[in-house]
């Protein structure tokens, strides 16, 4: 069995990874820890300020890459066959696309617990994945006290 767990490094991530870890162990499943990074911003000129922006963006990507590698490493330390993957793009599209590429049996991701008005105005990655995915999706609810 193959599990794909999507992480965003929000406060909810620890809970999502814990659920994925317990499932992987119980099902003797392999696990792919996926982080969807924001696309690189477009730069039209190369002024000093924009160079600093690019450097900051690169530092953020390095940090996100380190975090996703650490998450997969922690899974391997627990005896789970795990790998890390970081892809840039629109989160829901990337999550569903990577699940298809990996032929994942289950997608695991978290909900931030925002209300209906937020979802109506801005949308939700969890909702979009549910609509687009052709495989089971497990949404780990946000902690009530974290919302």
N, C-alpha and C. Protein backbone atom coordinates (compact mmCIF):
# COMPACT_ATOMS: atom_id res chain seq x y z
N UNK A 1 0.85 -1.17 0.00
CA UNK A 1 0.00 0.00 0.00
C UNK A 1 0.89 1.23 0.00
N UNK A 2 0.45 2.27 -0.71
CA UNK A 2 1.21 3.52 -0.81
C UNK A 2 0.37 4.68 -0.29
N UNK A 3 0.97 5.46 0.59
CA UNK A 3 0.30 6.63 1.15
C UNK A 3 1.04 7.88 0.70
N UNK A 4 0.28 8.92 0.39
CA UNK A 4 0.85 10.23 0.09
C UNK A 4 0.35 11.18 1.17
N UNK A 5 1.27 11.78 1.92
CA UNK A 5 0.88 12.73 2.95
C UNK A 5 1.39 14.10 2.53
N UNK A 6 0.46 15.06 2.43
CA UNK A 6 0.80 16.42 2.03
C UNK A 6 1.02 17.27 3.27
N UNK A 7 2.12 18.01 3.27
CA UNK A 7 2.46 18.85 4.41
C UNK A 7 2.60 20.29 3.97
N UNK A 8 2.26 21.21 4.86
CA UNK A 8 2.44 22.63 4.56
C UNK A 8 3.24 23.34 5.65
N UNK A 9 3.70 22.59 6.63
CA UNK A 9 4.50 23.10 7.74
C UNK A 9 3.77 24.13 8.58
N UNK A 10 2.45 24.04 8.58
CA UNK A 10 1.63 24.84 9.49
C UNK A 10 1.64 24.14 10.84
N UNK A 11 1.04 24.76 11.86
CA UNK A 11 0.96 24.07 13.16
C UNK A 11 0.25 22.72 13.08
N UNK A 12 -0.59 22.51 12.07
CA UNK A 12 -1.33 21.27 11.90
C UNK A 12 -0.46 20.12 11.40
N UNK A 13 0.69 20.43 10.84
CA UNK A 13 1.53 19.42 10.19
C UNK A 13 1.91 18.27 11.12
N UNK A 14 2.26 18.58 12.34
CA UNK A 14 2.68 17.51 13.28
C UNK A 14 1.57 16.47 13.44
N UNK A 15 0.34 16.93 13.58
CA UNK A 15 -0.79 16.01 13.76
C UNK A 15 -1.01 15.17 12.49
N UNK A 16 -0.90 15.80 11.33
CA UNK A 16 -1.09 15.09 10.06
C UNK A 16 -0.01 14.02 9.89
N UNK A 17 1.23 14.37 10.17
CA UNK A 17 2.32 13.40 10.06
C UNK A 17 2.17 12.25 11.06
N UNK A 18 1.66 12.56 12.25
CA UNK A 18 1.44 11.51 13.24
C UNK A 18 0.38 10.52 12.77
N UNK A 19 -0.70 11.02 12.20
CA UNK A 19 -1.75 10.14 11.68
C UNK A 19 -1.19 9.29 10.53
N UNK A 20 -0.43 9.91 9.64
CA UNK A 20 0.16 9.18 8.52
C UNK A 20 1.11 8.10 9.02
N UNK A 21 1.89 8.42 10.03
CA UNK A 21 2.83 7.45 10.60
C UNK A 21 2.09 6.25 11.18
N UNK A 22 1.04 6.53 11.96
CA UNK A 22 0.28 5.42 12.56
C UNK A 22 -0.36 4.54 11.49
N UNK A 23 -0.90 5.16 10.45
CA UNK A 23 -1.51 4.39 9.36
C UNK A 23 -0.47 3.56 8.61
N UNK A 24 0.66 4.18 8.30
CA UNK A 24 1.71 3.46 7.57
C UNK A 24 2.18 2.24 8.36
N UNK A 25 2.36 2.42 9.66
CA UNK A 25 2.78 1.29 10.50
C UNK A 25 1.71 0.21 10.57
N UNK A 26 0.47 0.61 10.75
CA UNK A 26 -0.63 -0.35 10.87
C UNK A 26 -0.87 -1.11 9.57
N UNK A 27 -0.67 -0.45 8.44
CA UNK A 27 -0.95 -1.05 7.14
C UNK A 27 0.29 -1.58 6.44
N UNK A 28 1.45 -1.44 7.09
CA UNK A 28 2.72 -1.82 6.47
C UNK A 28 2.85 -1.16 5.10
N UNK A 29 2.57 0.15 5.07
CA UNK A 29 2.54 0.91 3.83
C UNK A 29 3.81 1.74 3.67
N UNK A 30 4.13 2.04 2.42
CA UNK A 30 5.19 3.00 2.15
C UNK A 30 4.55 4.38 2.14
N UNK A 31 5.39 5.39 2.30
CA UNK A 31 4.86 6.74 2.49
C UNK A 31 5.69 7.74 1.70
N UNK A 32 5.01 8.66 1.05
CA UNK A 32 5.67 9.77 0.39
C UNK A 32 5.22 11.04 1.11
N UNK A 33 6.17 11.78 1.65
CA UNK A 33 5.88 13.05 2.31
C UNK A 33 6.06 14.13 1.25
N UNK A 34 4.97 14.80 0.91
CA UNK A 34 4.97 15.81 -0.15
C UNK A 34 4.78 17.19 0.44
N UNK A 35 5.60 18.12 0.00
CA UNK A 35 5.39 19.53 0.31
C UNK A 35 5.26 20.27 -1.00
N UNK A 36 4.19 21.05 -1.13
CA UNK A 36 3.99 21.86 -2.32
C UNK A 36 4.47 23.26 -2.02
N UNK A 37 5.54 23.64 -2.70
CA UNK A 37 6.11 24.97 -2.52
C UNK A 37 5.44 25.95 -3.47
N UNK A 38 5.39 27.18 -3.05
CA UNK A 38 4.82 28.23 -3.89
C UNK A 38 5.68 28.40 -5.13
N UNK A 39 5.05 28.69 -6.26
CA UNK A 39 5.83 28.94 -7.47
C UNK A 39 6.74 30.14 -7.26
N UNK A 40 7.87 30.15 -7.97
CA UNK A 40 8.78 31.28 -7.87
C UNK A 40 8.09 32.52 -8.42
N UNK A 41 8.27 33.65 -7.74
CA UNK A 41 7.67 34.87 -8.27
C UNK A 41 8.38 35.30 -9.54
N UNK A 42 7.62 35.95 -10.41
CA UNK A 42 8.21 36.45 -11.65
C UNK A 42 8.89 37.79 -11.38
N UNK A 43 10.07 37.96 -11.92
CA UNK A 43 10.80 39.21 -11.77
C UNK A 43 11.01 39.82 -13.14
N UNK A 44 10.68 41.10 -13.26
CA UNK A 44 10.78 41.76 -14.56
C UNK A 44 12.11 42.49 -14.73
N UNK A 45 12.66 42.97 -13.64
CA UNK A 45 13.95 43.65 -13.70
C UNK A 45 14.83 43.07 -12.61
N UNK A 46 16.07 43.46 -12.64
CA UNK A 46 17.02 42.93 -11.68
C UNK A 46 17.62 44.04 -10.84
N UNK A 47 16.80 44.62 -10.00
CA UNK A 47 17.29 45.65 -9.10
C UNK A 47 17.78 44.99 -7.82
N UNK A 48 18.46 45.76 -7.00
CA UNK A 48 18.99 45.22 -5.75
C UNK A 48 17.89 44.64 -4.86
N UNK A 49 16.74 45.31 -4.80
CA UNK A 49 15.64 44.84 -3.97
C UNK A 49 15.09 43.51 -4.44
N UNK A 50 14.98 43.36 -5.75
CA UNK A 50 14.47 42.10 -6.28
C UNK A 50 15.48 40.97 -6.10
N UNK A 51 16.76 41.30 -6.13
CA UNK A 51 17.78 40.28 -5.86
C UNK A 51 17.63 39.78 -4.43
N UNK A 52 17.38 40.70 -3.52
CA UNK A 52 17.18 40.31 -2.12
C UNK A 52 15.94 39.43 -2.01
N UNK A 53 14.87 39.76 -2.74
CA UNK A 53 13.66 38.94 -2.74
C UNK A 53 13.97 37.52 -3.24
N UNK A 54 14.75 37.42 -4.31
CA UNK A 54 15.11 36.10 -4.85
C UNK A 54 15.93 35.31 -3.83
N UNK A 55 16.85 36.00 -3.16
CA UNK A 55 17.67 35.33 -2.15
C UNK A 55 16.81 34.83 -1.00
N UNK A 56 15.84 35.64 -0.58
CA UNK A 56 14.93 35.23 0.50
C UNK A 56 14.07 34.05 0.07
N UNK A 57 13.60 34.09 -1.18
CA UNK A 57 12.79 32.98 -1.70
C UNK A 57 13.62 31.71 -1.75
N UNK A 58 14.86 31.81 -2.20
CA UNK A 58 15.74 30.64 -2.24
C UNK A 58 15.97 30.08 -0.84
N UNK A 59 16.14 30.97 0.13
CA UNK A 59 16.34 30.52 1.52
C UNK A 59 15.09 29.81 2.04
N UNK A 60 13.92 30.32 1.68
CA UNK A 60 12.66 29.67 2.09
C UNK A 60 12.57 28.27 1.47
N UNK A 61 12.92 28.14 0.19
CA UNK A 61 12.87 26.84 -0.46
C UNK A 61 13.84 25.86 0.20
N UNK A 62 15.03 26.33 0.55
CA UNK A 62 16.00 25.46 1.22
C UNK A 62 15.45 24.99 2.56
N UNK A 63 14.83 25.90 3.30
CA UNK A 63 14.24 25.56 4.60
C UNK A 63 13.11 24.54 4.43
N UNK A 64 12.22 24.77 3.46
CA UNK A 64 11.12 23.84 3.22
C UNK A 64 11.65 22.47 2.80
N UNK A 65 12.68 22.47 1.97
CA UNK A 65 13.28 21.21 1.53
C UNK A 65 13.86 20.45 2.73
N UNK A 66 14.53 21.17 3.60
CA UNK A 66 15.10 20.55 4.81
C UNK A 66 13.99 19.95 5.66
N UNK A 67 12.90 20.68 5.84
CA UNK A 67 11.80 20.21 6.68
C UNK A 67 11.14 18.95 6.10
N UNK A 68 10.92 18.93 4.80
CA UNK A 68 10.28 17.75 4.20
C UNK A 68 11.22 16.55 4.27
N UNK A 69 12.53 16.77 4.11
CA UNK A 69 13.50 15.68 4.26
C UNK A 69 13.51 15.16 5.70
N UNK A 70 13.45 16.07 6.67
CA UNK A 70 13.41 15.66 8.08
C UNK A 70 12.16 14.84 8.38
N UNK A 71 11.03 15.25 7.82
CA UNK A 71 9.78 14.52 8.06
C UNK A 71 9.88 13.10 7.51
N UNK A 72 10.41 12.95 6.31
CA UNK A 72 10.57 11.61 5.74
C UNK A 72 11.60 10.81 6.54
N UNK A 73 12.65 11.47 6.99
CA UNK A 73 13.66 10.80 7.81
C UNK A 73 13.08 10.27 9.11
N UNK A 74 12.20 11.04 9.73
CA UNK A 74 11.56 10.59 10.97
C UNK A 74 10.69 9.36 10.70
N UNK A 75 10.05 9.32 9.55
CA UNK A 75 9.26 8.13 9.19
C UNK A 75 10.18 6.92 9.00
N UNK A 76 11.29 7.13 8.32
CA UNK A 76 12.24 6.02 8.13
C UNK A 76 12.79 5.54 9.47
N UNK A 77 13.05 6.48 10.38
CA UNK A 77 13.53 6.11 11.72
C UNK A 77 12.51 5.25 12.46
N UNK A 78 11.23 5.40 12.11
CA UNK A 78 10.18 4.61 12.74
C UNK A 78 9.97 3.27 12.02
N UNK A 79 10.79 3.01 11.00
CA UNK A 79 10.69 1.74 10.30
C UNK A 79 9.78 1.75 9.09
N UNK A 80 9.43 2.93 8.62
CA UNK A 80 8.53 3.07 7.47
C UNK A 80 9.37 3.37 6.23
N UNK A 81 9.06 2.71 5.13
CA UNK A 81 9.69 3.07 3.86
C UNK A 81 9.12 4.42 3.45
N UNK A 82 9.96 5.44 3.44
CA UNK A 82 9.46 6.79 3.20
C UNK A 82 10.41 7.57 2.32
N UNK A 83 9.85 8.47 1.55
CA UNK A 83 10.64 9.38 0.75
C UNK A 83 10.04 10.77 0.83
N UNK A 84 10.85 11.75 0.51
CA UNK A 84 10.42 13.15 0.55
C UNK A 84 10.31 13.67 -0.87
N UNK A 85 9.36 14.58 -1.06
CA UNK A 85 9.16 15.18 -2.36
C UNK A 85 8.71 16.61 -2.16
N UNK A 86 9.35 17.54 -2.86
CA UNK A 86 8.93 18.94 -2.84
C UNK A 86 8.72 19.37 -4.29
N UNK A 87 7.53 19.88 -4.56
CA UNK A 87 7.15 20.28 -5.91
C UNK A 87 6.53 21.66 -5.83
N UNK A 88 6.83 22.50 -6.82
CA UNK A 88 6.23 23.83 -6.86
C UNK A 88 4.95 23.78 -7.69
N UNK A 89 3.98 24.61 -7.30
CA UNK A 89 2.77 24.72 -8.10
C UNK A 89 1.55 24.93 -7.24
N UNK A 90 0.38 24.92 -7.89
CA UNK A 90 -0.88 25.05 -7.17
C UNK A 90 -1.10 23.82 -6.29
N UNK A 91 -1.29 24.00 -4.99
CA UNK A 91 -1.31 22.85 -4.06
C UNK A 91 -2.25 21.71 -4.44
N UNK A 92 -3.51 21.97 -4.65
CA UNK A 92 -4.44 20.87 -4.90
C UNK A 92 -4.08 20.12 -6.18
N UNK A 93 -3.75 20.85 -7.22
CA UNK A 93 -3.39 20.23 -8.49
C UNK A 93 -2.14 19.37 -8.34
N UNK A 94 -1.14 19.88 -7.63
CA UNK A 94 0.10 19.12 -7.43
C UNK A 94 -0.15 17.88 -6.58
N UNK A 95 -0.92 18.03 -5.51
CA UNK A 95 -1.19 16.88 -4.63
C UNK A 95 -1.88 15.75 -5.40
N UNK A 96 -2.92 16.09 -6.13
CA UNK A 96 -3.64 15.07 -6.91
C UNK A 96 -2.75 14.50 -8.01
N UNK A 97 -1.98 15.36 -8.68
CA UNK A 97 -1.09 14.89 -9.73
C UNK A 97 -0.01 13.96 -9.22
N UNK A 98 0.59 14.30 -8.09
CA UNK A 98 1.63 13.44 -7.52
C UNK A 98 1.04 12.12 -7.02
N UNK A 99 -0.16 12.17 -6.47
CA UNK A 99 -0.83 10.93 -6.05
C UNK A 99 -1.06 10.02 -7.25
N UNK A 100 -1.43 10.62 -8.38
CA UNK A 100 -1.60 9.83 -9.60
C UNK A 100 -0.27 9.23 -10.06
N UNK A 101 0.79 10.06 -10.09
CA UNK A 101 2.11 9.57 -10.53
C UNK A 101 2.62 8.44 -9.65
N UNK A 102 2.39 8.58 -8.35
CA UNK A 102 2.87 7.57 -7.40
C UNK A 102 1.93 6.37 -7.29
N UNK A 103 0.76 6.48 -7.89
CA UNK A 103 -0.30 5.48 -7.75
C UNK A 103 -0.60 5.23 -6.27
N UNK A 104 -0.73 6.35 -5.53
CA UNK A 104 -1.01 6.27 -4.10
C UNK A 104 -2.40 5.68 -3.86
N UNK A 105 -2.50 4.88 -2.82
CA UNK A 105 -3.79 4.30 -2.45
C UNK A 105 -4.62 5.26 -1.61
N UNK A 106 -3.95 6.22 -0.95
CA UNK A 106 -4.63 7.15 -0.06
C UNK A 106 -3.84 8.45 0.01
N UNK A 107 -4.57 9.55 -0.03
CA UNK A 107 -3.99 10.88 0.18
C UNK A 107 -4.36 11.32 1.58
N UNK A 108 -3.38 11.80 2.33
CA UNK A 108 -3.61 12.28 3.69
C UNK A 108 -3.20 13.74 3.75
N UNK A 109 -4.10 14.59 4.22
CA UNK A 109 -3.76 16.00 4.40
C UNK A 109 -4.58 16.57 5.52
N UNK A 110 -4.19 17.75 5.95
CA UNK A 110 -4.86 18.37 7.08
C UNK A 110 -5.84 19.43 6.66
N UNK A 111 -6.72 19.72 7.58
CA UNK A 111 -7.67 20.83 7.42
C UNK A 111 -7.27 21.89 8.43
N UNK A 112 -7.32 23.12 8.00
CA UNK A 112 -6.98 24.21 8.93
C UNK A 112 -8.17 24.64 9.76
N UNK A 113 -9.34 24.10 9.47
CA UNK A 113 -10.50 24.38 10.30
C UNK A 113 -11.14 25.73 10.07
N UNK A 114 -10.86 26.35 8.92
CA UNK A 114 -11.49 27.63 8.64
C UNK A 114 -12.96 27.41 8.34
N UNK A 115 -13.76 28.41 8.58
CA UNK A 115 -15.20 28.31 8.43
C UNK A 115 -15.68 28.41 7.00
N UNK A 116 -16.98 28.33 6.83
CA UNK A 116 -17.60 28.32 5.52
C UNK A 116 -17.35 29.61 4.74
N UNK A 117 -17.35 30.74 5.41
CA UNK A 117 -17.12 32.01 4.71
C UNK A 117 -15.73 32.03 4.10
N UNK A 118 -14.73 31.58 4.85
CA UNK A 118 -13.36 31.52 4.33
C UNK A 118 -13.31 30.63 3.09
N UNK A 119 -13.92 29.45 3.19
CA UNK A 119 -13.90 28.51 2.06
C UNK A 119 -14.62 29.09 0.85
N UNK A 120 -15.72 29.80 1.10
CA UNK A 120 -16.48 30.38 0.00
C UNK A 120 -15.67 31.46 -0.73
N UNK A 121 -14.96 32.28 0.03
CA UNK A 121 -14.22 33.39 -0.55
C UNK A 121 -12.88 32.96 -1.13
N UNK A 122 -12.15 32.15 -0.43
CA UNK A 122 -10.79 31.83 -0.84
C UNK A 122 -10.58 30.39 -1.29
N UNK A 123 -11.51 29.54 -1.00
CA UNK A 123 -11.34 28.14 -1.35
C UNK A 123 -10.51 27.43 -0.30
N UNK A 124 -10.32 26.15 -0.48
CA UNK A 124 -9.59 25.34 0.48
C UNK A 124 -8.87 24.24 -0.28
N UNK A 125 -7.62 24.04 0.06
CA UNK A 125 -6.85 22.97 -0.58
C UNK A 125 -7.52 21.63 -0.31
N UNK A 126 -7.95 21.40 0.92
CA UNK A 126 -8.60 20.13 1.25
C UNK A 126 -9.84 19.91 0.41
N UNK A 127 -10.67 20.94 0.29
CA UNK A 127 -11.89 20.82 -0.52
C UNK A 127 -11.56 20.56 -1.98
N UNK A 128 -10.56 21.25 -2.50
CA UNK A 128 -10.19 21.07 -3.90
C UNK A 128 -9.63 19.68 -4.15
N UNK A 129 -8.84 19.17 -3.22
CA UNK A 129 -8.31 17.81 -3.38
C UNK A 129 -9.46 16.81 -3.37
N UNK A 130 -10.41 17.00 -2.46
CA UNK A 130 -11.57 16.09 -2.42
C UNK A 130 -12.32 16.08 -3.74
N UNK A 131 -12.47 17.24 -4.37
CA UNK A 131 -13.20 17.34 -5.63
C UNK A 131 -12.43 16.74 -6.80
N UNK A 132 -11.10 16.88 -6.80
CA UNK A 132 -10.28 16.47 -7.94
C UNK A 132 -9.78 15.03 -7.86
N UNK A 133 -9.64 14.50 -6.67
CA UNK A 133 -9.01 13.18 -6.50
C UNK A 133 -9.93 12.05 -6.94
N UNK A 134 -9.32 11.04 -7.54
CA UNK A 134 -10.07 9.84 -7.90
C UNK A 134 -9.69 8.66 -7.02
N UNK A 135 -9.20 9.00 -5.84
CA UNK A 135 -8.78 7.98 -4.86
C UNK A 135 -9.21 8.46 -3.48
N UNK A 136 -9.19 7.61 -2.47
CA UNK A 136 -9.60 8.03 -1.13
C UNK A 136 -8.71 9.15 -0.59
N UNK A 137 -9.33 10.04 0.15
CA UNK A 137 -8.64 11.17 0.78
C UNK A 137 -9.01 11.17 2.25
N UNK A 138 -8.00 11.22 3.11
CA UNK A 138 -8.22 11.31 4.54
C UNK A 138 -7.84 12.73 4.96
N UNK A 139 -8.79 13.45 5.53
CA UNK A 139 -8.54 14.81 5.99
C UNK A 139 -8.47 14.77 7.51
N UNK A 140 -7.32 15.17 8.03
CA UNK A 140 -7.09 15.21 9.48
C UNK A 140 -7.59 16.56 9.98
N UNK A 141 -8.59 16.55 10.86
CA UNK A 141 -9.14 17.82 11.32
C UNK A 141 -8.16 18.62 12.17
N UNK A 142 -8.32 19.91 12.12
CA UNK A 142 -7.50 20.81 12.94
C UNK A 142 -7.86 20.63 14.39
N UNK A 143 -6.89 20.85 15.27
CA UNK A 143 -7.18 20.86 16.69
C UNK A 143 -8.11 22.02 16.98
N UNK A 144 -9.13 21.79 17.76
CA UNK A 144 -10.10 22.85 18.04
C UNK A 144 -9.47 24.06 18.71
N UNK A 145 -8.50 23.84 19.57
CA UNK A 145 -7.88 24.96 20.26
C UNK A 145 -6.88 25.72 19.39
N UNK A 146 -6.53 25.14 18.22
CA UNK A 146 -5.58 25.81 17.32
C UNK A 146 -6.29 26.68 16.30
N UNK A 147 -7.61 26.59 16.23
CA UNK A 147 -8.38 27.34 15.23
C UNK A 147 -8.73 28.71 15.75
